[in-house]
Amino acid sequence: MKTGLRCNVDPKNGLMPLLSKSFFTRNLFYRLLTVCSFFCISSIAKAQSGIYESYAILDINGAGNLFYDLKATTANPDFNGNNLGTFLQGNTLFLNGAQNKTFKCNTDDILSPNRFYYRIYKSTDPAPAFIASDIFFKSNNGPTGSGCGGSDQNQTWESSGANINVLNGLTPGNYYLEIYTTADFTYTSGSGGSGTHIENRAGLNFKANFTLAANCVTGISVSPSTISPVCVGATGTQLTATITTASGSGDANITYEWFRNTSNSTVGGTSVQGLTTTTTATLTSSFTPPTASTGTLWYYCIVTNTDAGCTGSSYATAPVEVIVNPNPTASTSPVNVLCFGNATGSIDLTVTGGTAPYTYAWSNTATTQDLTGLTAGTYNVTITDASGCTTTASATITQPAAGLSASTTRVNVLCFGNATGSIDLTVTGGTAPYTYAWSNAATTQDLTGLAAGAYNVTITDASGCTTTAS
C-alpha cells in the first residue's frame, strides 16, 4: 500500500495508518491514532489487507531455487543491492518467480493471481518497461492473529517455475535485475471497491546487479604432441587442437587457423587451412599434415579472442614436428634360364634412396638382396629401409618355350658292303641355330653315303643347350 492516511489492519500491529516503515514507531502510532480515527472512520474496512512479506526466487548455475528477501527480514540474502555475481557464457541465471505473503481481514479479499514485475537492462542503458509474470495461490496459513474478524487469513502466493532466462540474448557488460510485486484486492464494506497492493520500496523497486563477462579463450593444446617420422605417400597423422575458454561452454567469439613453418617457431608460419571464425566455446579443430613431399616441417594452430572484453589476444599450440622421409627405389636385372627346365636364372637387385640399411622380403621367401639358381617364373620383392619406408620391385625369369630334342629317320644299306645308308635328323625346341657333332666327325644335320653301323650325334643350340640322338 502507498503511504498516506488510509487506515489498515496489520496482522502484527492491528489498526494503524498506512505510512512508510520509517514512521512506524510506537509513540507516533498513539499520536496518530486520533487523527486516523477522524479521517478514516468510514474507510477502515478498505485497508484490511496487504502484502506483509515478499521474496524473489532465483536459480544460479543450476544450484536450485534460492529465496531472496524483498520485503522481509530473514536469513535469506537481501535482493536489493545484491551483487548476484559474474557470469560467463554457458553459466545460467534464472528468475524462477516470486512469493507474496498476504493478509486479509473482514470483507477484504486478495485476488488471483498476484504478480511480480521484472526488467533486465545494462547499467549504461535506459531502463526498459517492466514485464509481468503471475504469482499463484499456494496456501492459507491461518488467522492473522489480529482478531480483525471476517475471513482473517494469512496466505502464501508463489510462482517458482517461471524459468525466465535472465542471461538470454545479453552481451558482455554490467546489468540490473529489477523487481517488485503486487496483489490485487477487493472489499465489500461500505460502497465496496478494489485496489492493488504494491511492494516496490516506495517506487524505488528492488534492484540487484550482475556482470556478464566475455567467454575468453584461456588456452589451446594439441594432440599428439609428437609424431614419428612418416614416409612419402603414407597416411598422415591427424593433429587435433583443443581450444578452452573461461566457462568451457556456451558462446565465445574466436578465430582459429593452422600454420606450417620451416623451423620450430610459431612466428612467420604459412597458413595451411585458412582463418575460421566460430562462436563455439569448446572447440576441437583438426588438421592432417600432407605427406606428398619429403622434408621436415612444424605445424601449429593459433586461436584468437575477438571479444573486446578479453585481455589475452592469441594462443598457439606448441609446434609439432612432422618428418616425411623418402621411400627407397629399386630396379632389377634378371638373367634368364637358357635351357628349358634348368635353375640357372638370377636377379640382380639395385636399391637407392631411403635410409640404409635395407631388408628384403622375396616372394620365394628369400631375404637376400640378389637371387641366383632360379627357375623360370616371376619374383616379387618388398624392400624396407631403416625408417620403415618401403618400395617394391619384380622380375620375370624366362626360358625357351620347349626343351631341345632330336629324332632320326634311317635309310639302311640294301647291298652288303655298300655305302648307301642315310640318316635324316630332325631337331626341335631350344634356341636355333643348332650345331651337330656326329660320331663319324660329320657336322651336318643329316648324313648320307653311310656304310652299315651305329651313328651318334650331339646337338647344341644357340644357348649352349645340348641333346643327343643315334
Protein backbone atom coordinates (compact mmCIF):
# COMPACT_ATOMS: atom_id res chain seq x y z
CA MET A 1 0.00 0.00 0.00
CA LYS A 2 1.15 3.50 -0.62
CA THR A 3 1.94 5.81 2.27
CA GLY A 4 -0.90 8.04 3.38
CA LEU A 5 -3.63 8.49 5.97
CA ARG A 6 -5.53 5.44 4.73
CA CYS A 7 -6.07 3.03 7.63
CA ASN A 8 -5.14 -0.59 7.70
CA VAL A 9 -5.17 -3.61 9.95
CA ASP A 10 -1.68 -5.02 10.17
CA PRO A 11 -1.57 -8.69 11.26
CA LYS A 12 1.14 -7.84 13.76
CA ASN A 13 0.21 -4.31 14.94
CA GLY A 14 -3.54 -4.04 14.41
CA LEU A 15 -5.17 -0.80 13.27
CA MET A 16 -2.70 1.80 12.04
CA PRO A 17 -2.33 4.38 9.30
CA LEU A 18 -0.56 3.21 6.14
CA LEU A 19 2.66 5.18 6.45
CA SER A 20 6.08 4.10 5.34
CA LYS A 21 8.02 1.89 7.76
CA SER A 22 10.15 4.81 8.86
CA PHE A 23 7.07 6.36 10.52
CA PHE A 24 6.12 3.22 12.43
CA THR A 25 7.24 3.90 15.92
CA ARG A 26 5.21 3.10 18.96
CA ASN A 27 4.90 6.75 20.12
CA LEU A 28 3.91 8.01 16.72
CA PHE A 29 1.25 5.31 16.44
CA TYR A 30 -0.58 6.58 19.50
CA ARG A 31 -0.23 10.20 18.39
CA LEU A 32 -1.75 9.47 15.02
CA LEU A 33 -4.49 7.14 16.17
CA THR A 34 -6.83 10.02 16.93
CA VAL A 35 -6.12 11.65 13.53
CA CYS A 36 -6.74 8.36 11.76
CA SER A 37 -9.99 7.82 13.65
CA PHE A 38 -11.24 11.21 12.49
CA PHE A 39 -10.23 10.94 8.82
CA CYS A 40 -10.53 7.20 8.24
CA ILE A 41 -13.51 6.05 10.30
CA SER A 42 -15.54 5.49 7.15
CA SER A 43 -12.80 3.57 5.33
CA ILE A 44 -11.35 1.21 7.96
CA ALA A 45 -12.58 -1.80 6.01
CA LYS A 46 -10.82 -0.63 2.90
CA ALA A 47 -7.39 -1.13 4.42
CA GLN A 48 -7.74 -4.54 5.96
CA SER A 49 -5.45 -6.48 3.58
CA GLY A 50 -1.91 -6.20 2.30
CA ILE A 51 1.47 -7.79 1.50
CA TYR A 52 3.47 -8.27 4.66
CA GLU A 53 6.40 -10.21 3.11
CA SER A 54 7.71 -10.71 -0.44
CA TYR A 55 10.61 -12.66 -1.98
CA ALA A 56 12.32 -13.16 -5.32
CA ILE A 57 13.19 -16.74 -6.33
CA LEU A 58 16.41 -17.29 -8.32
CA ASP A 59 18.34 -20.32 -9.57
CA ILE A 60 22.02 -19.56 -10.19
CA ASN A 61 24.04 -22.05 -12.23
CA GLY A 62 21.66 -24.90 -11.53
CA ALA A 63 22.07 -24.76 -7.76
CA GLY A 64 18.29 -24.83 -7.24
CA ASN A 65 15.80 -22.19 -6.18
CA LEU A 66 17.01 -19.70 -3.58
CA PHE A 67 14.74 -17.13 -1.94
CA TYR A 68 15.93 -13.53 -1.75
CA ASP A 69 14.28 -11.07 0.65
CA LEU A 70 12.35 -8.24 -0.98
CA LYS A 71 10.02 -7.02 1.78
CA ALA A 72 11.25 -9.32 4.50
CA THR A 73 13.97 -9.70 7.09
CA THR A 74 15.05 -13.33 7.22
CA ALA A 75 18.19 -15.42 7.00
CA ASN A 76 17.83 -15.29 3.21
CA PRO A 77 20.11 -12.91 1.29
CA ASP A 78 18.65 -9.48 0.56
CA PHE A 79 17.82 -8.96 -3.09
CA ASN A 80 18.09 -5.19 -3.15
CA GLY A 81 21.69 -4.10 -3.66
CA ASN A 82 22.88 -7.69 -4.05
CA ASN A 83 25.67 -8.47 -6.50
CA LEU A 84 24.46 -11.75 -7.97
CA GLY A 85 27.89 -12.47 -9.41
CA THR A 86 29.86 -12.60 -12.63
CA PHE A 87 28.53 -14.96 -15.29
CA LEU A 88 30.24 -16.44 -18.29
CA GLN A 89 28.57 -17.67 -21.44
CA GLY A 90 27.34 -21.11 -20.54
CA ASN A 91 26.53 -20.14 -16.95
CA THR A 92 22.87 -19.77 -16.01
CA LEU A 93 20.79 -17.26 -14.09
CA PHE A 94 17.07 -17.99 -13.95
CA LEU A 95 14.41 -15.83 -12.35
CA ASN A 96 12.03 -18.62 -11.38
CA GLY A 97 9.40 -16.44 -9.77
CA ALA A 98 8.43 -14.66 -6.57
CA GLN A 99 6.48 -15.15 -3.37
CA ASN A 100 4.00 -12.85 -1.64
CA LYS A 101 2.78 -13.40 1.89
CA THR A 102 -0.52 -11.55 2.24
CA PHE A 103 -3.14 -10.94 4.94
CA LYS A 104 -6.83 -10.13 4.66
CA CYS A 105 -9.48 -9.25 7.24
CA ASN A 106 -13.24 -8.80 7.33
CA THR A 107 -14.61 -8.20 3.85
CA ASP A 108 -11.24 -7.78 2.08
CA ASP A 109 -10.18 -10.45 -0.41
CA ILE A 110 -6.86 -10.97 -2.24
CA LEU A 111 -7.44 -11.75 -5.90
CA SER A 112 -5.72 -14.38 -8.05
CA PRO A 113 -3.21 -14.07 -9.43
CA ASN A 114 -0.69 -11.89 -7.65
CA ARG A 115 2.07 -10.67 -9.93
CA PHE A 116 5.74 -9.89 -9.98
CA TYR A 117 7.26 -7.41 -12.41
CA TYR A 118 10.83 -7.52 -13.65
CA ARG A 119 13.16 -5.85 -16.11
CA ILE A 120 16.76 -6.56 -17.13
CA TYR A 121 18.98 -3.87 -18.56
CA LYS A 122 22.59 -2.80 -18.89
CA SER A 123 23.68 -0.30 -16.28
CA THR A 124 24.60 2.19 -19.01
CA ASP A 125 21.23 1.90 -20.81
CA PRO A 126 17.85 3.46 -20.08
CA ALA A 127 15.58 1.20 -18.05
CA PRO A 128 13.00 -0.58 -20.25
CA ALA A 129 9.37 -1.31 -19.40
CA PHE A 130 8.61 -3.95 -16.79
CA ILE A 131 7.43 -7.40 -17.79
CA ALA A 132 4.68 -9.02 -15.71
CA SER A 133 4.50 -12.62 -14.57
CA ASP A 134 1.84 -14.29 -12.45
CA ILE A 135 2.15 -15.47 -8.85
CA PHE A 136 -0.37 -18.16 -7.95
CA PHE A 137 -2.16 -19.03 -4.74
CA LYS A 138 -0.31 -21.63 -2.70
CA SER A 139 -1.85 -21.93 0.76
CA ASN A 140 -3.89 -20.44 3.58
CA ASN A 141 -1.68 -20.06 6.61
CA GLY A 142 -4.21 -19.48 9.40
CA PRO A 143 -5.60 -16.37 11.08
CA THR A 144 -3.65 -13.15 11.05
CA GLY A 145 -3.64 -13.02 14.83
CA SER A 146 -5.03 -9.53 14.83
CA GLY A 147 -8.56 -10.62 15.71
CA CYS A 148 -9.95 -8.43 12.96
CA GLY A 149 -12.82 -10.80 12.21
CA GLY A 150 -14.25 -11.90 8.89
CA SER A 151 -12.01 -14.10 6.80
CA ASP A 152 -8.99 -13.06 8.92
CA GLN A 153 -6.44 -15.07 6.94
CA ASN A 154 -2.71 -15.06 6.13
CA GLN A 155 -1.94 -16.51 2.72
CA THR A 156 1.07 -17.55 0.60
CA TRP A 157 1.19 -16.86 -3.13
CA GLU A 158 4.11 -18.34 -5.06
CA SER A 159 5.50 -18.90 -8.54
CA SER A 160 8.70 -20.96 -8.52
CA GLY A 161 8.91 -22.35 -12.06
CA ALA A 162 8.76 -19.28 -14.30
CA ASN A 163 12.12 -20.31 -15.83
CA ILE A 164 12.97 -16.80 -17.02
CA ASN A 165 16.47 -16.96 -18.54
CA VAL A 166 17.95 -13.68 -17.34
CA LEU A 167 21.14 -14.03 -19.43
CA ASN A 168 19.40 -14.88 -22.68
CA GLY A 169 20.50 -12.64 -25.55
CA LEU A 170 22.75 -10.45 -23.41
CA THR A 171 26.15 -9.18 -24.48
CA PRO A 172 29.04 -8.77 -22.02
CA GLY A 173 28.55 -5.93 -19.55
CA ASN A 174 27.14 -4.89 -16.16
CA TYR A 175 23.37 -5.32 -15.67
CA TYR A 176 20.49 -4.65 -13.30
CA LEU A 177 17.71 -7.07 -12.47
CA GLU A 178 14.83 -5.01 -11.05
CA ILE A 179 11.72 -6.49 -9.39
CA TYR A 180 8.58 -5.57 -7.49
CA THR A 181 5.42 -7.49 -6.56
CA THR A 182 1.70 -6.69 -6.46
CA ALA A 183 -1.54 -8.14 -5.11
CA ASP A 184 -4.97 -7.03 -6.32
CA PHE A 185 -7.73 -6.87 -3.68
CA THR A 186 -11.43 -6.14 -3.32
CA TYR A 187 -13.65 -5.15 -0.40
CA THR A 188 -17.41 -5.13 0.04
CA SER A 189 -17.79 -2.93 3.09
CA GLY A 190 -19.30 0.45 2.61
CA SER A 191 -19.83 1.09 -1.06
CA GLY A 192 -17.22 -1.63 -1.93
CA GLY A 193 -14.29 -1.29 -4.28
CA SER A 194 -10.90 -2.66 -5.35
CA GLY A 195 -7.27 -1.76 -5.43
CA THR A 196 -3.70 -3.03 -5.78
CA HIS A 197 -1.13 -3.54 -3.06
CA ILE A 198 2.34 -2.75 -4.42
CA GLU A 199 5.64 -3.71 -2.82
CA ASN A 200 8.19 -1.58 -4.63
CA ARG A 201 10.21 0.29 -1.95
CA ALA A 202 8.03 3.38 -2.36
CA GLY A 203 8.63 3.44 -6.09
CA LEU A 204 12.35 2.65 -5.96
CA ASN A 205 11.83 -1.08 -6.63
CA PHE A 206 14.16 -3.89 -5.61
CA LYS A 207 17.32 -3.86 -7.69
CA ALA A 208 20.20 -6.38 -7.85
CA ASN A 209 23.15 -6.26 -10.19
CA PHE A 210 25.25 -8.82 -12.05
CA THR A 211 28.00 -8.94 -14.66
CA LEU A 212 28.09 -10.92 -17.88
CA ALA A 213 31.73 -11.48 -18.79
CA ALA A 214 33.09 -12.29 -22.23
CA ASN A 215 33.84 -16.01 -22.57
CA CYS A 216 37.51 -15.56 -23.30
CA VAL A 217 39.88 -18.18 -24.59
CA THR A 218 42.19 -19.38 -21.83
CA GLY A 219 44.42 -21.75 -23.76
CA ILE A 220 44.90 -24.27 -26.53
CA SER A 221 46.56 -27.67 -26.62
CA VAL A 222 47.42 -30.13 -29.37
CA SER A 223 47.37 -33.91 -29.57
CA PRO A 224 49.50 -35.79 -30.35
CA SER A 225 52.35 -33.54 -29.35
CA THR A 226 54.91 -35.66 -31.21
CA ILE A 227 54.68 -37.69 -34.43
CA SER A 228 57.01 -40.46 -35.57
CA PRO A 229 58.62 -39.88 -38.98
CA VAL A 230 56.43 -40.94 -41.87
CA CYS A 231 57.13 -41.96 -45.46
CA VAL A 232 56.17 -40.19 -48.65
CA GLY A 233 52.61 -41.05 -49.58
CA ALA A 234 51.79 -42.60 -46.20
CA THR A 235 48.55 -41.73 -44.38
CA GLY A 236 49.31 -38.65 -42.31
CA THR A 237 48.68 -38.41 -38.57
CA GLN A 238 45.80 -36.09 -37.67
CA LEU A 239 46.63 -33.24 -35.29
CA THR A 240 43.80 -32.08 -33.01
CA ALA A 241 43.87 -28.71 -31.27
CA THR A 242 41.57 -28.32 -28.28
CA ILE A 243 40.52 -24.75 -27.55
CA THR A 244 39.43 -23.95 -23.99
CA THR A 245 37.54 -20.93 -22.69
CA ALA A 246 36.82 -19.47 -19.29
CA SER A 247 33.46 -21.22 -18.97
CA GLY A 248 34.20 -24.23 -21.11
CA SER A 249 30.81 -23.98 -22.82
CA GLY A 250 28.34 -21.58 -24.37
CA ASP A 251 29.27 -18.94 -26.92
CA ALA A 252 32.69 -17.40 -27.43
CA ASN A 253 33.79 -15.15 -30.26
CA ILE A 254 37.04 -16.62 -31.53
CA THR A 255 39.01 -17.36 -34.69
CA TYR A 256 41.48 -20.15 -35.29
CA GLU A 257 43.96 -21.01 -38.02
CA TRP A 258 46.54 -23.75 -38.78
CA PHE A 259 50.07 -22.92 -39.94
CA ARG A 260 53.24 -24.69 -41.07
CA ASN A 261 56.77 -23.47 -40.53
CA THR A 262 60.25 -24.48 -41.61
CA SER A 263 61.53 -24.01 -38.06
CA ASN A 264 60.31 -24.84 -34.56
CA SER A 265 58.55 -21.50 -34.10
CA THR A 266 55.02 -20.05 -34.05
CA VAL A 267 56.23 -16.90 -35.79
CA GLY A 268 56.42 -16.48 -39.54
CA GLY A 269 54.48 -19.59 -40.50
CA THR A 270 52.36 -20.09 -43.62
CA SER A 271 48.62 -20.66 -43.29
CA VAL A 272 47.59 -24.13 -44.43
CA GLN A 273 43.88 -24.17 -43.60
CA GLY A 274 42.66 -20.58 -43.64
CA LEU A 275 41.05 -18.46 -40.94
CA THR A 276 37.91 -19.90 -39.35
CA THR A 277 35.51 -17.84 -37.22
CA THR A 278 33.37 -19.59 -34.63
CA THR A 279 31.18 -18.88 -31.61
CA THR A 280 31.61 -22.32 -30.06
CA ALA A 281 33.37 -22.13 -26.71
CA THR A 282 34.77 -25.65 -26.55
CA LEU A 283 36.19 -26.46 -29.94
CA THR A 284 38.42 -29.18 -31.33
CA SER A 285 39.97 -28.34 -34.66
CA SER A 286 41.84 -30.96 -36.67
CA PHE A 287 44.39 -30.87 -39.46
CA THR A 288 46.28 -33.71 -41.16
CA PRO A 289 49.72 -32.70 -42.46
CA PRO A 290 50.29 -33.83 -46.06
CA THR A 291 52.92 -36.46 -46.87
CA ALA A 292 53.31 -35.98 -50.62
CA SER A 293 56.76 -34.38 -50.31
CA THR A 294 59.84 -35.20 -48.28
CA GLY A 295 61.25 -32.85 -45.67
CA THR A 296 60.76 -31.59 -42.12
CA LEU A 297 58.07 -29.06 -41.22
CA TRP A 298 56.41 -27.87 -38.00
CA TYR A 299 52.63 -27.43 -37.69
CA TYR A 300 50.71 -25.36 -35.12
CA CYS A 301 47.29 -23.79 -34.53
CA ILE A 302 46.61 -20.21 -33.35
CA VAL A 303 43.33 -19.21 -31.67
CA THR A 304 42.42 -15.55 -31.18
CA ASN A 305 39.81 -13.81 -28.99
CA THR A 306 37.66 -11.35 -30.90
CA ASP A 307 35.62 -10.14 -27.90
CA ALA A 308 36.76 -6.68 -26.82
CA GLY A 309 36.41 -7.70 -23.18
CA CYS A 310 39.11 -10.34 -23.44
CA THR A 311 42.63 -9.39 -22.43
CA GLY A 312 44.73 -12.23 -23.86
CA SER A 313 44.65 -11.90 -27.63
CA SER A 314 46.11 -15.07 -29.14
CA TYR A 315 47.19 -18.52 -28.05
CA ALA A 316 49.23 -21.02 -30.09
CA THR A 317 49.84 -24.72 -29.74
CA ALA A 318 53.39 -25.97 -29.41
CA PRO A 319 54.66 -26.71 -32.94
CA VAL A 320 54.58 -30.40 -33.86
CA GLU A 321 57.49 -31.65 -35.96
CA VAL A 322 56.50 -33.71 -38.99
CA ILE A 323 59.30 -35.55 -40.79
CA VAL A 324 58.47 -37.07 -44.18
CA ASN A 325 61.18 -39.50 -45.30
CA PRO A 326 61.74 -40.53 -48.91
CA ASN A 327 60.86 -44.03 -49.95
CA PRO A 328 63.69 -46.19 -51.39
CA THR A 329 63.64 -47.03 -55.10
CA ALA A 330 64.63 -50.34 -56.64
CA SER A 331 65.45 -51.83 -60.04
CA THR A 332 66.16 -55.40 -61.16
CA SER A 333 68.42 -57.06 -63.76
CA PRO A 334 67.24 -60.62 -64.44
CA VAL A 335 69.32 -63.39 -66.12
CA ASN A 336 67.04 -65.83 -67.87
CA VAL A 337 67.19 -69.63 -67.84
CA LEU A 338 68.89 -70.68 -71.09
CA CYS A 339 67.99 -74.29 -71.11
CA PHE A 340 64.44 -75.35 -70.59
CA GLY A 341 63.78 -76.71 -67.09
CA ASN A 342 67.10 -75.68 -65.62
CA ALA A 343 67.58 -73.49 -62.48
CA THR A 344 70.20 -71.14 -63.83
CA GLY A 345 68.31 -67.83 -63.66
CA SER A 346 69.34 -64.94 -61.40
CA ILE A 347 68.18 -61.45 -60.35
CA ASP A 348 70.47 -58.58 -59.53
CA LEU A 349 68.55 -56.03 -57.31
CA THR A 350 69.75 -52.42 -57.07
CA VAL A 351 68.32 -50.17 -54.25
CA THR A 352 68.81 -46.41 -53.93
CA GLY A 353 67.30 -43.64 -51.79
CA GLY A 354 65.55 -44.00 -48.47
CA THR A 355 67.67 -44.70 -45.40
CA ALA A 356 70.08 -47.64 -45.37
CA PRO A 357 70.32 -50.43 -44.30
CA TYR A 358 67.56 -52.24 -46.15
CA THR A 359 65.76 -55.50 -45.62
CA TYR A 360 64.32 -57.71 -48.35
CA ALA A 361 61.32 -59.98 -48.47
CA TRP A 362 61.09 -62.02 -51.70
CA SER A 363 58.03 -63.91 -52.83
CA ASN A 364 60.06 -67.14 -52.74
CA THR A 365 60.87 -66.38 -49.01
CA ALA A 366 64.46 -65.36 -49.77
CA THR A 367 65.78 -62.41 -47.76
CA THR A 368 68.97 -61.66 -49.69
CA GLN A 369 69.34 -58.68 -51.96
CA ASP A 370 70.14 -60.73 -55.09
CA LEU A 371 68.85 -64.14 -56.16
CA THR A 372 70.61 -66.97 -58.06
CA GLY A 373 69.78 -70.52 -59.08
CA LEU A 374 66.31 -69.58 -60.21
CA THR A 375 63.92 -71.48 -62.38
CA ALA A 376 61.68 -69.65 -64.82
CA GLY A 377 58.98 -67.52 -63.14
CA THR A 378 58.09 -64.11 -61.68
CA TYR A 379 59.73 -62.98 -58.43
CA ASN A 380 58.47 -60.03 -56.29
CA VAL A 381 60.34 -58.29 -53.52
CA THR A 382 59.44 -55.70 -50.83
CA ILE A 383 62.33 -53.50 -49.69
CA THR A 384 62.10 -51.77 -46.28
CA ASP A 385 64.59 -49.11 -45.24
CA ALA A 386 65.77 -48.14 -41.76
CA SER A 387 62.91 -45.60 -41.42
CA GLY A 388 60.29 -48.18 -42.22
CA CYS A 389 59.65 -46.79 -45.69
CA THR A 390 59.06 -49.38 -48.37
CA THR A 391 59.11 -49.95 -52.07
CA THR A 392 58.54 -52.98 -54.28
CA ALA A 393 60.14 -54.49 -57.36
CA SER A 394 59.64 -57.56 -59.51
CA ALA A 395 61.48 -59.52 -62.18
CA THR A 396 60.47 -62.32 -64.54
CA ILE A 397 62.87 -65.13 -65.46
CA THR A 398 62.16 -66.68 -68.86
CA GLN A 399 63.25 -69.93 -70.54
CA PRO A 400 62.82 -71.44 -74.03
CA ALA A 401 59.29 -72.48 -74.82
CA ALA A 402 60.32 -76.12 -75.08
CA GLY A 403 63.35 -78.25 -74.34
CA LEU A 404 65.85 -79.18 -77.08
CA SER A 405 65.05 -82.57 -78.65
CA ALA A 406 66.05 -84.57 -81.72
CA SER A 407 64.81 -87.57 -83.68
CA THR A 408 66.31 -89.57 -86.61
CA THR A 409 64.94 -91.31 -89.71
CA ARG A 410 67.30 -94.01 -91.08
CA VAL A 411 67.71 -95.44 -94.58
CA ASN A 412 69.60 -98.76 -94.35
CA VAL A 413 72.25 -100.17 -96.78
CA LEU A 414 70.49 -102.53 -99.19
CA CYS A 415 73.50 -104.42 -100.60
CA PHE A 416 76.08 -105.89 -98.36
CA GLY A 417 79.22 -103.92 -98.21
CA ASN A 418 77.80 -100.92 -99.98
CA ALA A 419 77.71 -97.31 -98.52
CA THR A 420 74.20 -96.30 -99.49
CA GLY A 421 72.70 -95.68 -95.97
CA SER A 422 71.49 -92.24 -94.73
CA ILE A 423 70.17 -90.52 -91.55
CA ASP A 424 67.60 -87.67 -91.60
CA LEU A 425 67.94 -85.72 -88.26
CA THR A 426 65.00 -83.60 -87.03
CA VAL A 427 65.69 -81.04 -84.21
CA THR A 428 63.01 -79.11 -82.23
CA GLY A 429 62.93 -76.83 -79.17
CA GLY A 430 65.82 -74.99 -77.68
CA THR A 431 67.11 -71.93 -79.42
CA ALA A 432 68.15 -72.06 -83.08
CA PRO A 433 70.59 -72.21 -84.77
CA TYR A 434 71.93 -75.62 -83.88
CA THR A 435 75.34 -77.30 -84.34
CA TYR A 436 75.94 -81.02 -84.79
CA ALA A 437 78.77 -83.31 -83.76
CA TRP A 438 78.43 -86.81 -85.20
CA SER A 439 80.38 -89.76 -84.05
CA ASN A 440 81.85 -90.09 -87.57
CA ALA A 441 83.11 -86.49 -87.26
CA ALA A 442 80.42 -85.13 -89.56
CA THR A 443 78.96 -81.72 -88.63
CA THR A 444 75.97 -81.61 -90.93
CA GLN A 445 72.45 -82.10 -89.73
CA ASP A 446 71.81 -85.10 -91.98
CA LEU A 447 74.16 -87.87 -93.10
CA THR A 448 74.31 -89.74 -96.44
CA GLY A 449 76.63 -92.37 -98.05
CA LEU A 450 76.79 -94.33 -94.90
CA ALA A 451 78.04 -97.85 -94.53
CA ALA A 452 76.28 -100.07 -92.07
CA GLY A 453 76.97 -99.10 -88.43
CA ALA A 454 75.85 -97.02 -85.45
CA TYR A 455 75.99 -93.28 -85.67
CA ASN A 456 75.60 -90.91 -82.64
CA VAL A 457 75.12 -87.14 -82.73
CA THR A 458 75.26 -84.33 -80.14
CA ILE A 459 73.12 -81.28 -80.99
CA THR A 460 73.98 -77.90 -79.39
CA ASP A 461 71.62 -74.91 -79.68
CA ALA A 462 72.46 -71.20 -79.68
CA SER A 463 72.20 -71.06 -75.87
CA GLY A 464 74.63 -73.94 -75.44
CA CYS A 465 71.94 -76.44 -74.54
CA THR A 466 72.56 -79.96 -75.84
CA THR A 467 70.74 -83.14 -76.64
CA THR A 468 71.77 -86.40 -78.32
CA ALA A 469 70.32 -88.77 -80.85
CA SER A 470 71.53 -92.01 -82.55
